[in-house]
C-alpha cells in the first residue's frame, strides 16, 4: 500500500467491458521524504474519493480483488481516504506531504 494524491479524473468511453461502471481517477504517489516518480497512475476508485484528496492505494492482484470484478484488468485501486498520518510521534496533515517528484507541495 502507498499514499497518493488524487489529481484528476479519467474518462474512457471505449474500454474493456470489465471496467464498465468503474470510476477512474488520476493519482500521484506521495512520500514523507522526497523521491522521484516518472508518471501519474490511473486508479479505480472503490471508496468515493475526489480530486485533491489524499488516498491509500494498492496495486497488482490486490487491486483487482479490491473491486467487484476480480478478473478485471486493474493494476491500481484506491482503497481508503487518508485523514491524517502520524510518524515518529509527529502528526502530519495530508496537505503537508510532498509529491514524489520532490518539487511540488500538495
Protein backbone atom coordinates (compact mmCIF):
# COMPACT_ATOMS: atom_id res chain seq x y z
CA UNK A 1 0.00 0.00 0.00
CA UNK A 2 1.08 3.56 -0.56
CA UNK A 3 -0.19 7.12 -0.18
CA UNK A 4 -1.21 9.13 -3.22
CA UNK A 5 -3.00 12.36 -4.06
CA UNK A 6 -5.92 12.42 -6.48
CA UNK A 7 -5.06 14.98 -9.16
CA UNK A 8 -7.70 14.33 -11.82
CA UNK A 9 -10.32 12.12 -13.39
CA UNK A 10 -10.08 9.80 -16.38
CA UNK A 11 -12.97 9.33 -18.81
CA UNK A 12 -12.88 6.41 -21.23
CA UNK A 13 -15.94 5.69 -23.36
CA UNK A 14 -14.30 2.74 -25.11
CA UNK A 15 -12.71 0.27 -22.69
CA UNK A 16 -12.61 -3.35 -21.57
CA UNK A 17 -16.18 -4.36 -20.64
CA UNK A 18 -14.99 -5.47 -17.19
CA UNK A 19 -14.20 -1.82 -16.42
CA UNK A 20 -17.76 -0.66 -17.12
CA UNK A 21 -19.05 1.25 -14.10
CA UNK A 22 -15.59 1.76 -12.60
CA UNK A 23 -14.69 5.32 -11.57
CA UNK A 24 -11.17 6.08 -12.83
CA UNK A 25 -9.01 8.68 -11.10
CA UNK A 26 -5.52 10.00 -11.80
CA UNK A 27 -3.28 9.70 -8.73
CA UNK A 28 0.29 10.78 -7.94
CA UNK A 29 2.16 8.86 -5.21
CA UNK A 30 3.40 10.95 -2.27
CA UNK A 31 6.19 10.45 0.23
CA UNK A 32 7.27 11.64 3.63
CA UNK A 33 10.76 12.02 2.15
CA UNK A 34 11.44 13.27 -1.42
CA UNK A 35 11.80 10.64 -4.11
CA UNK A 36 11.21 10.59 -7.87
CA UNK A 37 8.17 9.35 -9.81
CA UNK A 38 8.10 9.19 -13.59
CA UNK A 39 4.34 9.44 -14.22
CA UNK A 40 0.92 9.57 -12.53
CA UNK A 41 -1.17 6.40 -12.24
CA UNK A 42 -4.75 5.62 -13.24
CA UNK A 43 -6.58 4.03 -10.31
CA UNK A 44 -10.02 2.50 -9.90
CA UNK A 45 -11.82 4.22 -7.03
CA UNK A 46 -13.57 1.83 -4.63
CA UNK A 47 -14.27 4.36 -1.83
CA UNK A 48 -15.69 7.51 -3.43
CA UNK A 49 -12.56 9.68 -3.38
CA UNK A 50 -12.39 13.05 -5.09
CA UNK A 51 -9.87 15.41 -6.63
CA UNK A 52 -7.46 16.87 -4.08
CA UNK A 53 -7.87 14.09 -1.52
CA UNK A 54 -5.04 12.02 -0.07
CA UNK A 55 -5.79 8.32 -0.60
CA UNK A 56 -4.46 4.87 0.20
CA UNK A 57 -3.68 2.80 -2.93
CA UNK A 58 -2.86 -0.82 -3.65
CA UNK A 59 -1.56 -2.36 -6.85
CA UNK A 60 -1.21 -5.69 -8.60
CA UNK A 61 -3.50 -8.59 -7.74
CA UNK A 62 -4.56 -6.83 -4.53
CA UNK A 63 -6.02 -4.01 -6.64
CA UNK A 64 -8.07 -6.46 -8.69
CA UNK A 65 -9.50 -8.01 -5.53
CA UNK A 66 -10.39 -4.55 -4.14
CA UNK A 67 -13.13 -4.09 -6.76
CA UNK A 68 -16.11 -6.25 -7.61
CA UNK A 69 -14.72 -7.75 -10.80
CA UNK A 70 -11.74 -9.86 -9.67
CA UNK A 71 -10.62 -10.66 -13.22
CA UNK A 72 -10.74 -7.07 -14.49
CA UNK A 73 -7.56 -5.55 -15.99
CA UNK A 74 -6.85 -3.37 -12.95
CA UNK A 75 -3.36 -2.59 -11.69
CA UNK A 76 -4.09 0.20 -9.17
CA UNK A 77 -7.06 0.74 -6.83
CA UNK A 78 -7.94 3.35 -4.22
CA UNK A 79 -8.97 1.57 -1.03
CA UNK A 80 -9.07 4.39 1.53
CA UNK A 81 -9.21 8.14 2.08
CA UNK A 82 -6.48 9.45 4.42
CA UNK A 83 -7.44 11.84 7.23
CA UNK A 84 -4.00 12.16 8.83
CA UNK A 85 -0.61 10.46 9.05
CA UNK A 86 1.48 10.08 12.22
CA UNK A 87 5.18 9.35 12.03
CA UNK A 88 7.67 9.27 14.92
CA UNK A 89 5.08 10.96 17.11
CA UNK A 90 4.52 13.81 14.64
CA UNK A 91 1.01 14.23 13.30
CA UNK A 92 1.07 15.21 9.61
CA UNK A 93 -1.94 16.57 7.80
CA UNK A 94 -2.30 15.30 4.20
CA UNK A 95 -1.60 18.76 2.76
CA UNK A 96 1.88 18.73 4.36
CA UNK A 97 3.11 15.67 2.41
CA UNK A 98 5.23 16.13 -0.72
CA UNK A 99 4.55 14.72 -4.14
CA UNK A 100 7.13 12.11 -5.07
CA UNK A 101 8.64 14.36 -7.72
CA UNK A 102 10.22 16.22 -4.83
CA UNK A 103 9.37 19.65 -6.25
CA UNK A 104 5.69 20.30 -5.65
CA UNK A 105 3.76 20.61 -2.41
CA UNK A 106 0.26 19.21 -2.11
